[in-house]
Amino acid sequence: MAAGIVLSDRQRLDWLRLIRSDGIGPRSFRSLTNRFGGAGAALEALPALARQAGRDIRICPLAEAEREMAGLLRLGGRFVALGEAGYPRPLQAIDSAPPLLALIGNAAVLQQPAVAMVGSRNASAAGLSLTRRLAGGIGNAGFAIVSGLARGIDTAAHEASLATGTVAVLAGGLDRIYPPQNSGLAARIATEGALVSEMPLGWEPRGRDFPRRNRIVSGLALGTVVVEAARRSGSLITARFANEQGRQVFAVPGSPLDPRAEGGNHLIREGATLCAAAAHVVEALQPMLAGPGERFDPPRALREEPAPEAEEPLWDELDLPDIDRPPRAAAQPAGPGRFPPPPPAADGMGAVGDLGPQLLGLLSPTPIALDELVRASGRPAREVGQALAELELAGAVLRHPGGGLSRGPG
């Protein structure tokens, strides 16, 4: 597909119908359009190809594609096609690039050089504080921040980069914000940044959809930063995709006593670039911006690990002879139900005792300032102080010289 194409309205509908048909993913879409000279001709040939493959597939009706396009327009969005001027260049370079990207917001953000930031949903207060600092510094250096709108690290990265440019990649349709408690943040991103998805409107995200999203998160960026991540997590799936796409992988080191640091420490052992400040990312990526065509080869790649035999392919595509093996998720999919449910929203009226588990979840072996802990908890400073006093008496929290707080052995 040549760069700089401009699709007619009819061609855009054909593209949408083809990618929404059963058995069609990014690779089979590319194979079919190349073989038949366009999406319209591929749609005509699809029934016979499906019979040859021994499958009975559903082709997306024209009326259904028209309804989706009209629905996206009502939301203030539009589709950008692979090869069009507005399609993000780094994403176009990956071999499983979405043929159509649904977009709501400021399309110009997608033309900024970008850095992906991912990490734990159940992040520590120290991790959240460092994420805000990193995202703010990288954003001020001219990079957009890309993440997946999840709780924890993703949320902190988006919030810290709203003023400089942020892109949220959704695992479901653009009208199905997940998690729901980030609906307000998504609305702000739609105004100040960009929301993107390859999935149909109305699509509720499932387990397999999150690794699909993760390859877009890494594909939009020149490098991916992992702040906090367990050894088997969606964040490491994103890092693996970044490595396969030839992008730089950065990891923030953490205490060996904190399970949330296992993933980042493992990545560093495997060759990821250690990241402790925004300058570490900016200095590594700025040389890629020296010319009109960005380079996507990192200074060093992570060592490849054998993938588990039970990996699930990300698309159930037609078995056509010229289609490459589809990408697979090499770690546990980060879908709904894979992580503990979010805590209920604090209304400021709960008993002090209910803060204990929340504060312990936010604390890690790395000391954090009291004001950062109050900010991360979303509760009044008086209640946080009273709860901390009880936790200190129980030996569950340690107070360090200078006022820093960390999780204790108790």
Protein backbone atom coordinates (compact mmCIF):
# COMPACT_ATOMS: atom_id res chain seq x y z
CA MET A 1 0.00 0.00 0.00
CA ALA A 2 1.61 3.18 -1.15
CA ALA A 3 2.10 6.06 1.24
CA GLY A 4 -0.04 9.12 0.71
CA ILE A 5 -3.14 7.33 -0.60
CA VAL A 6 -6.54 9.04 -0.37
CA LEU A 7 -9.55 6.74 -0.12
CA SER A 8 -12.93 7.64 -1.56
CA ASP A 9 -15.98 7.23 0.67
CA ARG A 10 -16.83 3.98 -1.13
CA GLN A 11 -13.31 2.62 -0.75
CA ARG A 12 -13.33 3.47 2.96
CA LEU A 13 -16.59 1.53 3.37
CA ASP A 14 -15.07 -1.42 1.50
CA TRP A 15 -12.04 -1.35 3.77
CA LEU A 16 -14.30 -1.25 6.83
CA ARG A 17 -16.48 -4.13 5.54
CA LEU A 18 -13.42 -6.27 4.81
CA ILE A 19 -11.70 -5.80 8.16
CA ARG A 20 -15.02 -6.36 9.99
CA SER A 21 -15.68 -9.66 8.18
CA ASP A 22 -15.10 -12.99 9.91
CA GLY A 23 -11.64 -14.47 9.53
CA ILE A 24 -9.99 -11.20 8.51
CA GLY A 25 -7.20 -9.59 10.50
CA PRO A 26 -4.50 -7.08 9.54
CA ARG A 27 -2.34 -9.67 7.75
CA SER A 28 -5.13 -11.34 5.80
CA PHE A 29 -6.49 -7.88 4.91
CA ARG A 30 -3.14 -6.92 3.44
CA SER A 31 -2.79 -10.23 1.59
CA LEU A 32 -6.28 -10.04 0.07
CA THR A 33 -6.09 -6.40 -1.03
CA ASN A 34 -2.67 -6.97 -2.58
CA ARG A 35 -3.84 -10.11 -4.36
CA PHE A 36 -7.09 -8.69 -5.76
CA GLY A 37 -6.10 -5.06 -6.18
CA GLY A 38 -8.41 -3.56 -3.58
CA ALA A 39 -10.85 -4.22 -0.75
CA GLY A 40 -13.92 -4.21 -3.04
CA ALA A 41 -12.56 -6.99 -5.24
CA ALA A 42 -11.40 -8.89 -2.16
CA LEU A 43 -14.94 -8.80 -0.74
CA GLU A 44 -16.26 -10.34 -3.96
CA ALA A 45 -13.66 -13.12 -3.85
CA LEU A 46 -13.99 -13.82 -0.13
CA PRO A 47 -16.90 -16.34 -0.22
CA ALA A 48 -15.07 -18.61 -2.69
CA LEU A 49 -11.83 -18.35 -0.68
CA ALA A 50 -13.69 -19.26 2.50
CA ARG A 51 -15.21 -22.35 0.85
CA GLN A 52 -11.74 -23.40 -0.33
CA ALA A 53 -10.52 -23.08 3.27
CA GLY A 54 -13.48 -25.15 4.48
CA ARG A 55 -15.04 -22.28 6.40
CA ASP A 56 -18.38 -20.52 6.40
CA ILE A 57 -17.71 -16.87 7.20
CA ARG A 58 -19.87 -13.82 7.63
CA ILE A 59 -19.11 -10.82 5.43
CA CYS A 60 -19.88 -7.46 7.01
CA PRO A 61 -22.99 -6.01 5.29
CA LEU A 62 -22.78 -2.57 3.70
CA ALA A 63 -25.53 -1.20 5.97
CA GLU A 64 -23.64 -2.31 9.07
CA ALA A 65 -20.45 -0.55 7.92
CA GLU A 66 -22.44 2.59 7.10
CA ARG A 67 -23.98 2.58 10.60
CA GLU A 68 -20.56 2.27 12.23
CA MET A 69 -19.13 5.09 10.14
CA ALA A 70 -22.11 7.32 10.92
CA GLY A 71 -21.88 6.44 14.63
CA LEU A 72 -18.21 7.39 14.76
CA LEU A 73 -19.00 10.66 13.01
CA ARG A 74 -21.67 11.44 15.63
CA LEU A 75 -19.02 10.96 18.32
CA GLY A 76 -16.84 13.51 16.55
CA GLY A 77 -14.46 10.88 15.19
CA ARG A 78 -13.29 9.50 11.90
CA PHE A 79 -11.35 6.61 10.37
CA VAL A 80 -7.76 7.01 9.20
CA ALA A 81 -6.61 4.39 6.70
CA LEU A 82 -3.20 2.74 6.53
CA GLY A 83 -1.18 4.70 3.98
CA GLU A 84 -3.12 7.96 4.31
CA ALA A 85 -1.28 11.11 5.30
CA GLY A 86 -2.83 11.21 8.78
CA TYR A 87 -1.92 7.62 9.69
CA PRO A 88 0.88 7.49 12.30
CA ARG A 89 4.16 6.66 10.55
CA PRO A 90 5.65 4.47 13.31
CA LEU A 91 2.48 2.36 13.46
CA GLN A 92 2.46 1.99 9.68
CA ALA A 93 5.91 0.39 9.92
CA ILE A 94 4.76 -2.67 11.93
CA ASP A 95 3.68 -5.80 10.07
CA SER A 96 0.32 -6.06 11.85
CA ALA A 97 -0.72 -2.42 11.50
CA PRO A 98 -4.50 -1.90 11.69
CA PRO A 99 -5.88 -1.15 8.20
CA LEU A 100 -8.28 1.38 9.74
CA LEU A 101 -7.75 3.33 12.95
CA ALA A 102 -10.76 4.99 14.57
CA LEU A 103 -9.80 8.37 16.02
CA ILE A 104 -11.49 10.88 18.29
CA GLY A 105 -9.62 14.04 19.23
CA ASN A 106 -6.64 15.97 17.95
CA ALA A 107 -5.16 14.11 14.97
CA ALA A 108 -2.01 16.25 15.15
CA VAL A 109 -0.96 14.43 18.35
CA LEU A 110 -0.51 11.28 16.27
CA GLN A 111 2.14 13.05 14.20
CA GLN A 112 4.32 13.85 17.23
CA PRO A 113 7.20 11.51 18.05
CA ALA A 114 5.86 9.35 20.87
CA VAL A 115 6.92 7.30 23.88
CA ALA A 116 4.73 4.55 25.33
CA MET A 117 4.46 4.24 29.11
CA VAL A 118 2.94 1.14 30.69
CA GLY A 119 2.92 -0.55 34.06
CA SER A 120 0.95 -2.03 36.91
CA ARG A 121 -2.72 -1.34 37.44
CA ASN A 122 -2.16 -1.78 41.18
CA ALA A 123 0.74 0.64 41.23
CA SER A 124 2.57 1.88 44.30
CA ALA A 125 2.47 5.54 45.24
CA ALA A 126 6.18 5.75 44.42
CA GLY A 127 5.51 4.26 40.99
CA LEU A 128 2.70 6.71 40.32
CA SER A 129 4.85 9.66 41.41
CA LEU A 130 7.76 8.56 39.20
CA THR A 131 5.40 8.00 36.26
CA ARG A 132 4.10 11.55 36.52
CA ARG A 133 7.65 12.88 36.67
CA LEU A 134 8.79 10.81 33.68
CA ALA A 135 5.73 11.57 31.56
CA GLY A 136 5.98 15.28 32.33
CA GLY A 137 9.67 15.45 31.46
CA ILE A 138 9.36 13.37 28.29
CA GLY A 139 6.32 15.40 27.22
CA ASN A 140 8.15 18.70 27.78
CA ALA A 141 10.91 17.41 25.49
CA GLY A 142 8.40 17.24 22.62
CA PHE A 143 7.20 13.62 22.77
CA ALA A 144 3.59 12.53 23.03
CA ILE A 145 2.84 9.88 25.66
CA VAL A 146 0.97 6.74 24.55
CA SER A 147 -0.71 4.35 26.97
CA GLY A 148 -3.73 2.09 27.35
CA LEU A 149 -6.06 4.07 29.67
CA ALA A 150 -5.84 1.36 32.35
CA ARG A 151 -5.79 2.11 36.05
CA GLY A 152 -2.52 2.84 37.81
CA ILE A 153 0.54 3.65 35.70
CA ASP A 154 -1.44 4.25 32.48
CA THR A 155 -3.74 6.74 34.20
CA ALA A 156 -0.84 8.65 35.78
CA ALA A 157 1.00 8.82 32.44
CA HIS A 158 -2.05 10.20 30.61
CA GLU A 159 -2.83 12.75 33.31
CA ALA A 160 0.74 14.06 33.39
CA SER A 161 0.90 14.50 29.61
CA LEU A 162 -2.48 16.07 28.82
CA ALA A 163 -0.87 19.46 28.27
CA THR A 164 1.95 18.17 26.03
CA GLY A 165 0.13 15.46 24.07
CA THR A 166 -1.26 12.07 25.04
CA VAL A 167 -2.79 9.17 23.09
CA ALA A 168 -5.00 6.52 24.70
CA VAL A 169 -5.37 3.22 22.85
CA LEU A 170 -8.59 1.39 23.70
CA ALA A 171 -9.07 -2.38 23.65
CA GLY A 172 -12.77 -1.99 22.85
CA GLY A 173 -14.82 0.42 20.78
CA LEU A 174 -14.35 4.14 21.30
CA ASP A 175 -17.81 4.24 22.87
CA ARG A 176 -16.91 1.53 25.41
CA ILE A 177 -14.42 3.09 27.81
CA TYR A 178 -12.59 0.52 29.94
CA PRO A 179 -12.26 0.77 32.85
CA PRO A 180 -15.47 2.82 33.31
CA GLN A 181 -13.97 4.92 36.11
CA ASN A 182 -11.63 6.46 33.52
CA SER A 183 -14.51 7.85 31.46
CA GLY A 184 -13.81 11.37 32.71
CA LEU A 185 -10.13 11.07 31.80
CA ALA A 186 -11.08 9.70 28.38
CA ALA A 187 -13.30 12.74 27.79
CA ARG A 188 -10.39 15.06 28.62
CA ILE A 189 -8.07 13.11 26.32
CA ALA A 190 -10.65 13.37 23.51
CA THR A 191 -10.50 17.15 23.92
CA GLU A 192 -6.78 17.66 24.51
CA GLY A 193 -5.20 14.53 23.01
CA ALA A 194 -6.46 11.55 21.01
CA LEU A 195 -8.40 8.33 21.60
CA VAL A 196 -7.78 5.55 19.07
CA SER A 197 -9.00 1.99 18.54
CA GLU A 198 -9.13 -0.64 15.80
CA MET A 199 -12.24 -2.28 17.27
CA PRO A 200 -15.87 -1.68 16.20
CA LEU A 201 -18.14 0.74 18.01
CA GLY A 202 -20.06 -1.07 20.72
CA TRP A 203 -17.31 -3.68 21.20
CA GLU A 204 -16.82 -4.67 24.85
CA PRO A 205 -13.15 -5.60 25.38
CA ARG A 206 -12.33 -9.26 26.00
CA GLY A 207 -9.13 -10.92 27.20
CA ARG A 208 -7.58 -11.34 23.74
CA ASP A 209 -8.30 -7.72 22.83
CA PHE A 210 -5.80 -6.33 25.34
CA PRO A 211 -2.68 -7.87 23.76
CA ARG A 212 -4.04 -6.62 20.40
CA ARG A 213 -4.21 -3.15 21.91
CA ASN A 214 -0.73 -3.49 23.39
CA ARG A 215 0.89 -4.00 19.98
CA ILE A 216 -0.68 -0.68 18.89
CA VAL A 217 0.55 1.07 22.05
CA SER A 218 4.13 0.01 21.32
CA GLY A 219 3.72 0.45 17.56
CA LEU A 220 2.78 4.12 17.90
CA ALA A 221 5.96 4.89 19.85
CA LEU A 222 9.69 5.05 19.23
CA GLY A 223 10.26 3.49 22.65
CA THR A 224 8.33 1.86 25.48
CA VAL A 225 8.93 2.55 29.18
CA VAL A 226 7.86 -0.07 31.73
CA VAL A 227 7.53 1.50 35.18
CA GLU A 228 6.13 -1.25 37.41
CA ALA A 229 5.11 -4.71 36.21
CA ALA A 230 4.79 -8.21 37.56
CA ARG A 231 6.81 -10.95 35.89
CA ARG A 232 3.74 -12.09 33.89
CA SER A 233 1.69 -9.08 32.93
CA GLY A 234 0.22 -7.14 30.05
CA SER A 235 3.03 -4.61 30.38
CA LEU A 236 5.59 -7.25 29.47
CA ILE A 237 3.47 -8.19 26.44
CA THR A 238 3.78 -4.56 25.34
CA ALA A 239 7.55 -4.66 25.91
CA ARG A 240 7.83 -7.84 23.85
CA PHE A 241 5.87 -6.29 21.00
CA ALA A 242 8.11 -3.20 21.17
CA ASN A 243 11.19 -5.38 20.89
CA GLU A 244 9.74 -7.33 17.95
CA GLN A 245 8.86 -4.04 16.25
CA GLY A 246 12.45 -2.83 16.56
CA ARG A 247 11.69 -0.17 19.14
CA GLN A 248 13.70 0.73 22.22
CA VAL A 249 12.59 -0.81 25.51
CA PHE A 250 13.22 1.02 28.79
CA ALA A 251 12.55 -0.29 32.29
CA VAL A 252 12.52 1.38 35.68
CA PRO A 253 14.41 -0.70 38.27
CA GLY A 254 12.79 -1.48 41.58
CA SER A 255 13.30 -3.22 44.87
CA PRO A 256 13.68 -7.02 44.65
CA LEU A 257 11.28 -7.16 47.61
CA ASP A 258 8.42 -5.66 45.59
CA PRO A 259 6.63 -8.09 43.20
CA ARG A 260 5.69 -5.07 41.07
CA ALA A 261 9.37 -4.60 40.25
CA GLU A 262 10.00 -8.16 39.03
CA GLY A 263 9.01 -7.43 35.43
CA GLY A 264 11.12 -4.30 35.08
CA ASN A 265 14.15 -5.87 36.72
CA HIS A 266 13.78 -8.89 34.43
CA LEU A 267 13.67 -6.64 31.34
CA ILE A 268 16.87 -4.89 32.42
CA ARG A 269 18.61 -8.25 32.82
CA GLU A 270 17.45 -9.15 29.31
CA GLY A 271 18.94 -6.00 27.79
CA ALA A 272 16.37 -3.22 28.27
CA THR A 273 17.76 0.27 28.91
CA LEU A 274 17.63 1.27 32.56
CA CYS A 275 15.43 4.32 33.06
CA ALA A 276 15.51 6.44 36.21
CA ALA A 277 14.86 9.88 34.69
CA ALA A 278 13.15 11.42 31.67
CA ALA A 279 16.56 12.38 30.27
CA HIS A 280 17.47 8.69 29.90
CA VAL A 281 14.61 8.26 27.44
CA VAL A 282 14.93 11.58 25.65
CA GLU A 283 18.68 11.26 25.07
CA ALA A 284 18.28 7.75 23.66
CA LEU A 285 15.43 8.60 21.28
CA GLN A 286 16.37 12.07 20.03
CA PRO A 287 18.94 10.71 17.51
CA MET A 288 16.06 8.92 15.78
CA LEU A 289 14.52 12.30 14.99
CA ALA A 290 17.57 13.66 13.21
CA GLY A 291 16.27 13.08 9.68
CA PRO A 292 12.98 13.23 7.79
CA GLY A 293 12.57 9.42 8.06
CA GLU A 294 12.62 8.18 11.65
CA ARG A 295 14.77 5.15 12.35
CA PHE A 296 13.18 2.43 14.38
CA ASP A 297 16.21 0.27 15.20
CA PRO A 298 17.17 0.46 18.90
CA PRO A 299 20.82 0.44 19.98
CA ARG A 300 20.32 -3.05 21.39
CA ALA A 301 17.51 -5.58 21.37
CA LEU A 302 16.27 -7.72 24.20
CA ARG A 303 17.17 -11.38 24.15
CA GLU A 304 14.36 -13.47 22.76
CA GLU A 305 12.75 -16.05 25.02
CA PRO A 306 10.90 -19.13 23.76
CA ALA A 307 7.17 -18.48 23.65
CA PRO A 308 4.84 -20.75 25.61
CA GLU A 309 3.33 -23.55 23.54
CA ALA A 310 -0.22 -22.62 24.58
CA GLU A 311 -0.05 -19.11 23.16
CA GLU A 312 -3.28 -17.86 21.63
CA PRO A 313 -3.13 -16.11 18.23
CA LEU A 314 -4.48 -12.59 18.34
CA TRP A 315 -6.74 -13.11 15.30
CA ASP A 316 -8.69 -16.06 13.96
CA GLU A 317 -7.69 -15.44 10.34
CA LEU A 318 -8.42 -17.39 7.18
CA ASP A 319 -5.73 -19.95 6.42
CA LEU A 320 -4.40 -18.41 3.21
CA PRO A 321 -1.04 -19.61 1.84
CA ASP A 322 0.60 -16.17 1.71
CA ILE A 323 -0.34 -15.01 5.19
CA ASP A 324 2.41 -14.97 7.80
CA ARG A 325 1.94 -16.53 11.23
CA PRO A 326 -0.07 -14.01 13.27
CA PRO A 327 1.38 -12.49 16.42
CA ARG A 328 0.60 -14.22 19.69
CA ALA A 329 0.36 -13.16 23.29
CA ALA A 330 3.40 -14.46 25.18
CA ALA A 331 2.09 -13.64 28.63
CA GLN A 332 -1.20 -13.66 30.46
CA PRO A 333 -3.72 -11.43 28.58
CA ALA A 334 -4.55 -8.33 30.55
CA GLY A 335 -8.29 -8.58 30.19
CA PRO A 336 -11.26 -7.96 32.46
CA GLY A 337 -11.20 -10.36 35.39
CA ARG A 338 -7.44 -10.92 35.16
CA PHE A 339 -6.75 -8.30 37.80
CA PRO A 340 -8.41 -7.53 41.12
CA PRO A 341 -11.44 -5.24 40.70
CA PRO A 342 -10.82 -1.54 41.35
CA PRO A 343 -11.56 -0.24 44.84
CA PRO A 344 -14.84 1.66 45.21
CA ALA A 345 -14.58 5.40 44.72
CA ALA A 346 -13.80 7.15 47.99
CA ASP A 347 -16.44 9.62 49.12
CA GLY A 348 -14.38 10.95 52.01
CA MET A 349 -16.90 9.63 54.59
CA GLY A 350 -15.63 6.06 55.14
CA ALA A 351 -14.12 4.81 58.36
CA VAL A 352 -10.40 5.32 58.88
CA GLY A 353 -9.90 1.55 59.11
CA ASP A 354 -10.84 0.97 55.47
CA LEU A 355 -7.80 2.95 54.38
CA GLY A 356 -5.31 0.38 55.67
CA PRO A 357 -5.39 -2.06 52.74
CA GLN A 358 -5.46 0.80 50.24
CA LEU A 359 -2.41 2.51 51.74
CA LEU A 360 -0.49 -0.77 51.98
CA GLY A 361 -1.25 -1.36 48.30
CA LEU A 362 0.15 2.04 47.42
CA LEU A 363 3.29 1.65 49.52
CA SER A 364 6.36 -0.29 48.42
CA PRO A 365 9.89 -0.81 49.80
CA THR A 366 10.80 2.52 48.12
CA PRO A 367 10.09 5.46 50.49
CA ILE A 368 7.45 7.94 49.31
CA ALA A 369 6.58 11.40 50.66
CA LEU A 370 3.39 11.77 52.68
CA ASP A 371 1.87 14.30 50.27
CA GLU A 372 2.40 11.90 47.35
CA LEU A 373 0.68 9.14 49.32
CA VAL A 374 -2.25 11.42 50.13
CA ARG A 375 -2.56 12.37 46.49
CA ALA A 376 -2.50 8.76 45.32
CA SER A 377 -5.09 7.67 47.89
CA GLY A 378 -7.59 10.40 47.06
CA ARG A 379 -8.50 10.72 50.75
CA PRO A 380 -8.14 13.67 53.17
CA ALA A 381 -4.70 14.11 54.70
CA ARG A 382 -6.15 13.83 58.23
CA GLU A 383 -7.62 10.37 57.53
CA VAL A 384 -4.42 9.19 55.84
CA GLY A 385 -2.36 10.37 58.81
CA GLN A 386 -4.59 8.54 61.32
CA ALA A 387 -4.50 5.32 59.29
CA LEU A 388 -0.71 5.54 58.92
CA ALA A 389 -0.32 5.90 62.68
CA GLU A 390 -2.21 2.63 63.19
CA LEU A 391 -0.16 0.88 60.49
CA GLU A 392 3.11 2.12 62.01
CA LEU A 393 2.11 0.74 65.41
CA ALA A 394 1.45 -2.62 63.76
CA GLY A 395 4.86 -2.53 62.04
CA ALA A 396 3.27 -2.54 58.59
CA VAL A 397 4.64 0.91 57.68
CA LEU A 398 8.12 2.35 58.24
CA ARG A 399 8.84 6.07 58.55
CA HIS A 400 12.28 7.13 57.31
CA PRO A 401 14.48 10.17 58.09
CA GLY A 402 13.07 13.13 56.21
CA GLY A 403 9.50 11.86 56.48
CA GLY A 404 9.50 9.21 53.74
CA LEU A 405 7.16 6.24 54.17
CA SER A 406 7.60 2.67 52.98
CA ARG A 407 5.97 -0.69 53.50
CA GLY A 408 7.33 -2.54 56.51
CA PRO A 409 7.84 -6.23 57.20
CA GLY A 410 4.77 -6.49 59.41
